[in-house]
Amino acid sequence: MIRVESLDQEGRGVAHADGKVIFINGALPGEIVTYTPYLRKSKYELAQVQQILKPSAARTEPRCRHYDICGGCSMQHLDARAQVAVKQRVLEDTLWHIGKTHPQQVLPAIYGEPWGYRHRARFSARYVAKKGGALIGFREKRSSRVADMTTCEVVPPRIAALLVPLRGLVNALSIPDRVPQIELAIGDGVDALVLRVLQPLSAGDEDLLRQFADRHHAQFFVQPQGPESARPFYPASDGMLYYALPEFGLRIGFTPTEFTQVNPAVNAVLVRRAVALLGPRPGERIADMFCGLGNFSLAIARSGASVVGFEGSKSLVRRAQANAALNQLAARTEFVVDDLFRIDNGRLARFGRFDRMLIDPPRDGAVELIKALPDDAPRRIVYVSCNPATLARDVGLLVQTKGYALSAAGVVNMFPHTSHVESIAVFDR
């Protein structure tokens, strides 16, 4: 048996034995457990909890019947409020160990409803004859196999109720073994299902999709190749979905395969917090780096400031421009196609000086952008991160080489019941 000391960034219990670090899936800090190793290395072991001899007061019963198998969640055995505290600790520890910096202020955590929150999901599909046909769900833990799911607690209940009917639909198609994925995208009043197909659908298949859509009030898209190939199938539409940011009077359009946050309720709070921390004023020039389809840009523009959004994807820039026009903000916004992973000081300088900057990069962070910041860089930067390690690396650069102070930082629990840590940080010169 062993005493668990803490949780790591993957939500695993951390303990030490015989000079090794033991990472134990399913174990919580303070617990005394027995465990079964499944990978042994010279300095560490990966293990699965076997028996809990002394449980944590924060331990709770997982709601999902598939939790032991499905890899979609990793922390349902930990109380939802305690999950937020753990993620805050992970953020602060990572900022110190990698960035060598503590925030001057810890921001209140952003969190929301822990169940039924996912409006985006990518379910794998696999036809397995000896298991009775199609399986639809997330991948199993530590496996490429599809979990045999009949429900899901982190998507809205009406979507969870579709998992079994979707299995029946795939089984009935003429190509049940050529449908590897079904992607979910929920917009205002629309539940879109993107069917990835490796062979064309037959006329009979198309009839089945229409019947399913009518019966379950869903809209089907068909994706024969990459994400850009997804097209609306039935009911007929222009393929556009929308989500609202009511506090800013915004309606933002997107297609089912374009990036939007999975948790719209938390996203609305995050946008409010980011704009408040950024503090844009009328007449100021604001840069929104990695702007996507305008999630932050348009909210900032509502303040009266002028916004220049930078994004590497041409299609997302076009979507941001369309969303600016939709919300009568085209006059205050400009969107630029640029690869921010390769940007340098000269290219950035061509756009002139910015008073403030928002950075919302993917998991790789924004190291080249930070290196390119000029001597007259914005006096305030708000950084929204989906990876505490790359945030901490970038914090080190901003503080040690660019003259910024880390004024504040806090977690954003965008993905309850997972170990995924999103955060927001504020830098001032």
Protein backbone atom coordinates (compact mmCIF):
# COMPACT_ATOMS: atom_id res chain seq x y z
CA MET A 1 0.00 0.00 0.00
CA ILE A 2 1.02 3.60 -0.52
CA ARG A 3 -0.04 7.13 0.46
CA VAL A 4 -0.98 9.46 -2.39
CA GLU A 5 0.60 12.91 -2.13
CA SER A 6 -0.90 15.01 -4.94
CA LEU A 7 -2.43 14.98 -8.43
CA ASP A 8 -0.45 15.56 -11.63
CA GLN A 9 -1.51 17.40 -14.78
CA GLU A 10 -3.21 14.25 -16.08
CA GLY A 11 -5.37 13.87 -12.97
CA ARG A 12 -3.36 10.90 -11.69
CA GLY A 13 -2.43 10.39 -8.07
CA VAL A 14 1.28 10.94 -7.37
CA ALA A 15 3.19 8.89 -4.79
CA HIS A 16 6.79 7.81 -4.18
CA ALA A 17 8.18 4.35 -3.47
CA ASP A 18 11.68 2.87 -3.66
CA GLY A 19 13.12 6.00 -5.28
CA LYS A 20 10.46 6.04 -8.01
CA VAL A 21 7.52 8.31 -8.73
CA ILE A 22 4.29 6.29 -8.98
CA PHE A 23 1.47 7.77 -11.07
CA ILE A 24 -1.81 6.08 -10.08
CA ASN A 25 -4.96 6.43 -12.14
CA GLY A 26 -8.05 6.77 -9.94
CA ALA A 27 -6.21 7.73 -6.73
CA LEU A 28 -6.65 11.03 -4.87
CA PRO A 29 -4.39 13.08 -2.57
CA GLY A 30 -4.35 11.87 1.03
CA GLU A 31 -5.64 8.42 0.17
CA ILE A 32 -3.95 5.18 1.14
CA VAL A 33 -4.31 2.71 -1.72
CA THR A 34 -2.98 -0.43 -3.28
CA TYR A 35 -2.17 -0.33 -6.98
CA THR A 36 -1.30 -2.41 -10.00
CA PRO A 37 1.51 -1.13 -12.29
CA TYR A 38 0.97 -1.39 -16.05
CA LEU A 39 4.20 0.34 -17.11
CA ARG A 40 7.52 0.20 -15.26
CA LYS A 41 10.49 2.48 -16.00
CA SER A 42 13.71 3.11 -14.11
CA LYS A 43 12.49 6.35 -12.51
CA TYR A 44 8.71 6.02 -12.54
CA GLU A 45 5.76 3.67 -12.84
CA LEU A 46 2.28 4.07 -14.28
CA ALA A 47 -0.38 2.22 -12.34
CA GLN A 48 -4.08 1.70 -11.80
CA VAL A 49 -5.63 1.96 -8.34
CA GLN A 50 -6.59 -1.48 -7.07
CA GLN A 51 -8.10 -0.91 -3.64
CA ILE A 52 -8.79 2.27 -1.65
CA LEU A 53 -7.95 1.58 1.98
CA LYS A 54 -8.48 5.15 3.21
CA PRO A 55 -10.61 7.32 0.89
CA SER A 56 -10.36 11.07 0.49
CA ALA A 57 -13.21 13.23 1.80
CA ALA A 58 -13.36 14.70 -1.70
CA ARG A 59 -13.98 11.32 -3.35
CA THR A 60 -17.39 10.95 -4.96
CA GLU A 61 -19.22 8.28 -6.93
CA PRO A 62 -18.81 8.76 -10.70
CA ARG A 63 -22.14 9.54 -12.34
CA CYS A 64 -21.34 7.86 -15.67
CA ARG A 65 -21.84 4.10 -15.93
CA HIS A 66 -19.00 3.94 -18.49
CA TYR A 67 -16.47 5.92 -16.44
CA ASP A 68 -14.17 2.97 -15.73
CA ILE A 69 -13.74 2.29 -19.46
CA CYS A 70 -14.34 5.55 -21.35
CA GLY A 71 -11.39 7.87 -21.83
CA GLY A 72 -13.55 10.98 -22.18
CA CYS A 73 -13.35 11.82 -18.46
CA SER A 74 -10.62 11.24 -15.90
CA MET A 75 -11.80 12.99 -12.71
CA GLN A 76 -15.45 12.05 -12.08
CA HIS A 77 -14.32 10.34 -8.87
CA LEU A 78 -13.32 13.77 -7.47
CA ASP A 79 -15.89 16.32 -6.24
CA ALA A 80 -16.47 18.98 -8.92
CA ARG A 81 -15.45 21.86 -6.63
CA ALA A 82 -12.30 20.04 -5.62
CA GLN A 83 -11.44 19.56 -9.32
CA VAL A 84 -11.28 23.34 -9.72
CA ALA A 85 -8.98 23.66 -6.70
CA VAL A 86 -6.69 20.96 -8.08
CA LYS A 87 -6.47 22.73 -11.43
CA GLN A 88 -5.64 26.01 -9.70
CA ARG A 89 -2.80 24.26 -7.88
CA VAL A 90 -1.56 22.73 -11.14
CA LEU A 91 -1.55 26.18 -12.74
CA GLU A 92 0.32 27.87 -9.89
CA ASP A 93 2.87 25.05 -9.55
CA THR A 94 3.54 25.05 -13.30
CA LEU A 95 3.95 28.83 -13.43
CA TRP A 96 6.56 28.59 -10.69
CA HIS A 97 8.46 25.48 -11.80
CA ILE A 98 8.68 26.47 -15.47
CA GLY A 99 8.13 30.23 -15.54
CA LYS A 100 9.81 30.94 -12.16
CA THR A 101 7.01 33.40 -11.41
CA HIS A 102 4.05 33.66 -9.06
CA PRO A 103 1.04 35.79 -10.03
CA GLN A 104 0.61 38.92 -7.92
CA GLN A 105 -3.09 38.08 -7.68
CA VAL A 106 -4.96 34.77 -8.03
CA LEU A 107 -8.13 35.36 -10.00
CA PRO A 108 -11.40 33.69 -8.94
CA ALA A 109 -11.88 30.50 -10.92
CA ILE A 110 -14.30 30.49 -13.84
CA TYR A 111 -16.54 27.44 -13.76
CA GLY A 112 -20.08 26.36 -14.59
CA GLU A 113 -22.45 23.40 -14.70
CA PRO A 114 -20.37 20.19 -14.51
CA TRP A 115 -22.83 17.95 -16.38
CA GLY A 116 -24.32 18.19 -19.86
CA TYR A 117 -21.99 21.06 -20.72
CA ARG A 118 -20.37 19.83 -23.96
CA HIS A 119 -21.79 21.40 -27.11
CA ARG A 120 -18.89 20.05 -29.16
CA ALA A 121 -17.78 16.41 -29.22
CA ARG A 122 -16.09 14.06 -31.65
CA PHE A 123 -17.41 10.53 -31.24
CA SER A 124 -15.52 7.67 -32.83
CA ALA A 125 -17.50 4.99 -34.66
CA ARG A 126 -16.38 1.45 -35.35
CA TYR A 127 -18.21 -1.53 -36.74
CA VAL A 128 -17.35 -4.58 -34.63
CA ALA A 129 -19.35 -7.61 -35.78
CA LYS A 130 -18.57 -9.77 -32.74
CA LYS A 131 -19.90 -6.98 -30.46
CA GLY A 132 -23.15 -6.76 -32.36
CA GLY A 133 -22.32 -4.05 -34.87
CA ALA A 134 -21.52 -0.36 -34.56
CA LEU A 135 -19.97 1.15 -31.44
CA ILE A 136 -20.17 4.94 -31.01
CA GLY A 137 -18.39 6.84 -28.26
CA PHE A 138 -15.10 8.21 -27.04
CA ARG A 139 -11.94 6.10 -27.03
CA GLU A 140 -11.31 3.73 -24.15
CA LYS A 141 -8.78 4.72 -21.51
CA ARG A 142 -5.22 4.06 -22.71
CA SER A 143 -6.53 2.45 -25.90
CA SER A 144 -7.48 3.20 -29.49
CA ARG A 145 -10.61 1.04 -29.16
CA VAL A 146 -14.02 2.69 -29.10
CA ALA A 147 -15.77 2.53 -25.73
CA ASP A 148 -19.05 0.60 -25.79
CA MET A 149 -21.16 3.58 -24.70
CA THR A 150 -24.92 3.81 -24.50
CA THR A 151 -25.04 7.18 -22.75
CA CYS A 152 -22.80 10.12 -21.82
CA GLU A 153 -23.14 12.49 -18.87
CA VAL A 154 -21.11 15.44 -20.22
CA VAL A 155 -23.20 16.10 -23.34
CA PRO A 156 -26.79 17.42 -23.08
CA PRO A 157 -29.25 14.63 -22.18
CA ARG A 158 -31.00 14.83 -25.56
CA ILE A 159 -27.65 14.13 -27.25
CA ALA A 160 -26.79 11.29 -24.86
CA ALA A 161 -30.15 9.76 -25.79
CA LEU A 162 -29.02 9.63 -29.44
CA LEU A 163 -26.07 7.28 -28.90
CA VAL A 164 -28.12 4.08 -29.11
CA PRO A 165 -30.26 5.27 -32.07
CA LEU A 166 -27.07 6.34 -33.88
CA ARG A 167 -25.70 2.83 -33.46
CA GLY A 168 -28.84 1.51 -35.09
CA LEU A 169 -28.52 4.04 -37.91
CA VAL A 170 -24.92 3.12 -38.68
CA ASN A 171 -25.77 -0.59 -38.56
CA ALA A 172 -28.54 -0.02 -41.11
CA LEU A 173 -26.32 1.83 -43.62
CA SER A 174 -24.87 0.07 -46.64
CA ILE A 175 -21.38 1.15 -45.45
CA PRO A 176 -21.43 0.56 -41.66
CA ASP A 177 -17.68 -0.10 -41.59
CA ARG A 178 -16.87 3.09 -43.53
CA VAL A 179 -18.21 5.62 -41.01
CA PRO A 180 -15.31 6.28 -38.58
CA GLN A 181 -16.58 9.42 -36.85
CA ILE A 182 -19.66 11.43 -35.91
CA GLU A 183 -18.98 14.98 -34.79
CA LEU A 184 -21.42 16.94 -32.65
CA ALA A 185 -21.83 20.71 -32.93
CA ILE A 186 -24.68 22.46 -31.15
CA GLY A 187 -25.78 25.91 -32.23
CA ASP A 188 -28.69 28.05 -31.11
CA GLY A 189 -31.66 25.80 -31.80
CA VAL A 190 -29.69 23.34 -33.97
CA ASP A 191 -28.12 19.98 -33.11
CA ALA A 192 -25.73 19.27 -35.97
CA LEU A 193 -24.26 15.80 -36.57
CA VAL A 194 -21.34 15.58 -39.00
CA LEU A 195 -21.09 12.10 -40.49
CA ARG A 196 -17.57 11.24 -41.70
CA VAL A 197 -17.99 8.87 -44.65
CA LEU A 198 -15.17 7.07 -46.48
CA GLN A 199 -17.47 5.92 -49.30
CA PRO A 200 -20.49 7.60 -50.90
CA LEU A 201 -23.88 7.03 -49.33
CA SER A 202 -26.47 5.09 -51.33
CA ALA A 203 -29.94 6.45 -52.03
CA GLY A 204 -31.25 4.14 -49.31
CA ASP A 205 -28.66 5.48 -46.87
CA GLU A 206 -29.75 9.03 -47.62
CA ASP A 207 -33.37 8.12 -46.89
CA LEU A 208 -32.31 6.67 -43.52
CA LEU A 209 -30.49 9.89 -42.61
CA ARG A 210 -33.53 11.98 -43.49
CA GLN A 211 -35.80 9.79 -41.39
CA PHE A 212 -33.39 9.93 -38.43
CA ALA A 213 -33.08 13.74 -38.68
CA ASP A 214 -36.86 14.18 -38.72
CA ARG A 215 -37.40 11.76 -35.84
CA HIS A 216 -34.71 13.23 -33.58
CA HIS A 217 -34.80 16.90 -34.63
CA ALA A 218 -31.19 16.93 -35.79
CA GLN A 219 -29.40 18.26 -38.84
CA PHE A 220 -26.98 16.04 -40.76
CA PHE A 221 -23.79 17.17 -42.43
CA VAL A 222 -21.73 14.76 -44.53
CA GLN A 223 -17.93 14.94 -44.55
CA PRO A 224 -16.27 12.85 -47.30
CA GLN A 225 -12.71 14.15 -46.77
CA GLY A 226 -11.11 16.76 -44.48
CA PRO A 227 -13.07 19.12 -42.20
CA GLU A 228 -13.45 21.70 -44.96
CA SER A 229 -15.38 19.16 -47.06
CA ALA A 230 -18.31 18.95 -44.60
CA ARG A 231 -21.54 20.04 -46.26
CA PRO A 232 -25.14 20.27 -45.00
CA PHE A 233 -27.18 17.28 -46.11
CA TYR A 234 -30.59 17.42 -44.42
CA PRO A 235 -32.59 19.47 -43.57
CA ALA A 236 -31.56 21.95 -46.25
CA SER A 237 -29.67 24.97 -44.89
CA ASP A 238 -26.74 27.25 -45.62
CA GLY A 239 -24.65 25.21 -43.16
CA MET A 240 -24.31 28.04 -40.66
CA LEU A 241 -24.79 27.62 -36.91
CA TYR A 242 -24.76 30.44 -34.33
CA TYR A 243 -24.02 31.04 -30.68
CA ALA A 244 -24.79 34.17 -28.72
CA LEU A 245 -22.80 36.39 -26.36
CA PRO A 246 -25.81 38.30 -24.97
CA GLU A 247 -23.80 40.57 -22.69
CA PHE A 248 -22.17 42.08 -25.79
CA GLY A 249 -25.18 41.83 -28.07
CA LEU A 250 -23.33 39.41 -30.35
CA ARG A 251 -24.45 36.54 -32.54
CA ILE A 252 -21.51 34.58 -33.90
CA GLY A 253 -21.77 32.24 -36.86
CA PHE A 254 -19.76 29.07 -37.38
CA THR A 255 -19.84 25.85 -39.33
CA PRO A 256 -19.84 22.50 -37.47
CA THR A 257 -16.17 21.72 -38.17
CA GLU A 258 -14.81 25.19 -37.32
CA PHE A 259 -13.29 25.71 -33.88
CA THR A 260 -15.55 27.00 -31.13
CA GLN A 261 -15.33 26.37 -27.41
CA VAL A 262 -17.00 23.16 -26.23
CA ASN A 263 -18.61 24.87 -23.24
CA PRO A 264 -20.67 27.91 -24.31
CA ALA A 265 -21.74 28.89 -20.79
CA VAL A 266 -18.15 29.05 -19.55
CA ASN A 267 -17.04 30.72 -22.78
CA ALA A 268 -19.51 33.56 -22.16
CA VAL A 269 -18.02 34.15 -18.69
CA LEU A 270 -14.48 33.86 -20.06
CA VAL A 271 -15.14 36.51 -22.74
CA ARG A 272 -16.64 38.83 -20.12
CA ARG A 273 -13.63 38.32 -17.82
CA ALA A 274 -11.08 38.74 -20.61
CA VAL A 275 -12.60 41.99 -21.86
CA ALA A 276 -12.90 43.38 -18.33
CA LEU A 277 -9.25 42.55 -17.59
CA LEU A 278 -8.07 43.93 -20.92
CA GLY A 279 -9.93 47.19 -20.28
CA PRO A 280 -10.21 48.46 -23.89
CA ARG A 281 -11.22 52.09 -24.32
CA PRO A 282 -12.73 54.00 -27.23
CA GLY A 283 -10.05 55.11 -29.65
CA GLU A 284 -7.46 52.53 -28.58
CA ARG A 285 -5.93 49.97 -30.97
CA ILE A 286 -6.19 46.40 -29.70
CA ALA A 287 -4.53 43.29 -31.16
CA ASP A 288 -6.33 39.95 -30.89
CA MET A 289 -3.77 37.25 -31.61
CA PHE A 290 -5.03 33.83 -32.78
CA CYS A 291 -8.44 35.47 -33.14
CA GLY A 292 -10.27 32.56 -34.80
CA LEU A 293 -13.78 33.50 -35.85
CA GLY A 294 -13.88 36.61 -33.65
CA ASN A 295 -14.94 35.24 -30.26
CA PHE A 296 -12.94 37.91 -28.38
CA SER A 297 -12.40 40.44 -31.19
CA LEU A 298 -16.04 41.37 -31.56
CA ALA A 299 -16.64 41.69 -27.82
CA ILE A 300 -13.60 43.99 -27.57
CA ALA A 301 -14.86 46.06 -30.51
CA ARG A 302 -18.13 46.68 -28.65
CA SER A 303 -16.10 48.88 -26.28
CA GLY A 304 -15.45 51.37 -29.07
CA ALA A 305 -11.82 50.34 -29.55
CA SER A 306 -10.41 49.38 -32.95
CA VAL A 307 -9.40 45.71 -33.16
CA VAL A 308 -6.93 43.97 -35.48
CA GLY A 309 -7.36 40.20 -35.37
CA PHE A 310 -4.52 37.93 -36.50
CA GLU A 311 -5.21 34.32 -37.51
CA GLY A 312 -3.33 31.72 -39.55
CA SER A 313 -6.43 30.18 -41.15
CA LYS A 314 -7.83 31.98 -44.19
CA SER A 315 -11.23 30.38 -43.74
CA LEU A 316 -11.46 31.54 -40.11
CA VAL A 317 -10.45 35.06 -41.11
CA ARG A 318 -13.26 35.08 -43.65
CA ARG A 319 -15.64 33.85 -40.95
CA ALA A 320 -14.45 36.59 -38.55
CA GLN A 321 -15.04 39.22 -41.24
CA ALA A 322 -18.53 37.86 -41.88
CA ASN A 323 -19.28 37.87 -38.14
CA ALA A 324 -18.09 41.47 -37.85
CA ALA A 325 -20.45 42.46 -40.67
CA LEU A 326 -23.31 40.46 -39.11
CA ASN A 327 -22.88 42.41 -35.86
CA GLN A 328 -22.32 45.84 -37.52
CA LEU A 329 -18.70 45.94 -36.32
CA ALA A 330 -16.85 45.88 -39.66
CA ALA A 331 -15.81 49.53 -39.28
CA ARG A 332 -14.02 48.81 -35.99
CA THR A 333 -12.36 45.55 -36.96
CA GLU A 334 -9.67 44.32 -39.32
CA PHE A 335 -8.68 40.68 -39.73
CA VAL A 336 -5.30 39.59 -41.04
CA VAL A 337 -4.08 36.19 -42.23
CA ASP A 338 -0.66 35.61 -40.66
CA ASP A 339 1.23 32.62 -39.27
CA LEU A 340 1.91 33.67 -35.69
CA PHE A 341 4.16 30.65 -35.18
CA ARG A 342 6.59 32.19 -37.68
CA ILE A 343 6.09 35.91 -37.11
CA ASP A 344 9.07 38.17 -36.44
CA ASN A 345 9.57 41.70 -35.17
CA GLY A 346 9.65 43.23 -38.66
CA ARG A 347 6.36 41.69 -39.78
CA LEU A 348 4.62 42.61 -36.55
CA ALA A 349 5.95 46.19 -36.66
CA ARG A 350 4.25 46.78 -40.03
CA PHE A 351 0.90 46.91 -38.25
CA GLY A 352 1.92 49.76 -35.97
CA ARG A 353 1.67 50.14 -32.23
CA PHE A 354 -1.06 48.50 -30.16
CA ASP A 355 -2.28 49.81 -26.80
CA ARG A 356 -3.37 46.40 -25.53
CA MET A 357 -3.19 42.81 -26.73
CA LEU A 358 -5.14 39.61 -26.21
CA ILE A 359 -3.41 36.29 -26.97
CA ASP A 360 -5.41 33.05 -27.24
CA PRO A 361 -3.08 30.45 -28.80
CA PRO A 362 -3.49 26.71 -29.31
CA ARG A 363 -1.63 24.27 -27.07
CA ASP A 364 1.78 25.14 -28.54
CA GLY A 365 1.60 28.62 -27.05
CA ALA A 366 2.89 31.89 -28.48
CA VAL A 367 6.67 31.84 -28.09
CA GLU A 368 7.54 33.36 -31.51
CA LEU A 369 4.95 36.09 -31.11
CA ILE A 370 6.34 37.02 -27.70
CA LYS A 371 9.87 37.13 -29.09
CA ALA A 372 8.60 39.49 -31.82
CA LEU A 373 7.09 42.03 -29.41
CA PRO A 374 8.77 45.42 -29.91
CA ASP A 375 10.20 47.77 -27.29
CA ASP A 376 6.95 49.76 -27.35
CA ALA A 377 4.84 46.62 -26.88
CA PRO A 378 1.32 46.95 -25.42
CA ARG A 379 1.22 48.04 -21.80
CA ARG A 380 -1.23 45.25 -20.96
CA ILE A 381 -1.57 41.70 -22.33
CA VAL A 382 -4.33 39.26 -21.48
CA TYR A 383 -3.31 35.68 -22.29
CA VAL A 384 -5.93 32.91 -22.53
CA SER A 385 -4.25 29.50 -22.37
CA CYS A 386 -5.28 25.87 -22.89
CA ASN A 387 -1.90 24.46 -21.77
CA PRO A 388 -0.31 25.50 -18.45
CA ALA A 389 3.15 24.29 -19.52
CA THR A 390 3.38 26.51 -22.62
CA LEU A 391 1.77 29.38 -20.73
CA ALA A 392 4.44 29.06 -18.05
CA ARG A 393 7.19 29.02 -20.68
CA ASP A 394 5.74 32.17 -22.26
CA VAL A 395 5.35 33.78 -18.83
CA GLY A 396 9.09 33.34 -18.34
CA LEU A 397 9.80 35.13 -21.62
CA LEU A 398 7.39 37.98 -20.94
CA VAL A 399 8.70 38.57 -17.41
CA GLN A 400 12.41 37.94 -17.92
CA THR A 401 13.00 39.39 -21.40
CA LYS A 402 10.12 41.77 -22.15
CA GLY A 403 9.74 43.65 -18.88
CA TYR A 404 6.24 42.50 -17.93
CA ALA A 405 4.91 41.59 -14.51
CA LEU A 406 2.46 38.71 -14.08
CA SER A 407 -0.31 40.75 -12.45
CA ALA A 408 -2.90 38.00 -12.15
CA ALA A 409 -3.78 34.47 -13.20
CA GLY A 410 -6.57 31.98 -12.60
CA VAL A 411 -8.11 28.80 -13.97
CA VAL A 412 -11.02 28.36 -16.36
CA ASN A 413 -12.76 25.01 -15.91
CA MET A 414 -13.84 24.63 -19.54
CA PHE A 415 -13.77 20.81 -19.34
CA PRO A 416 -15.18 19.54 -16.01
CA HIS A 417 -14.24 15.95 -15.07
CA THR A 418 -11.12 16.04 -17.24
CA SER A 419 -7.57 17.00 -16.35
CA HIS A 420 -7.59 19.70 -19.03
CA VAL A 421 -6.51 23.04 -17.49
CA GLU A 422 -7.45 26.29 -19.20
CA SER A 423 -6.46 29.59 -17.66
CA ILE A 424 -6.30 33.35 -18.06
CA ALA A 425 -3.35 35.56 -17.16
CA VAL A 426 -2.74 39.32 -17.10
CA PHE A 427 0.61 41.02 -17.81
CA ASP A 428 1.47 44.68 -17.22
CA ARG A 429 4.47 46.80 -18.04
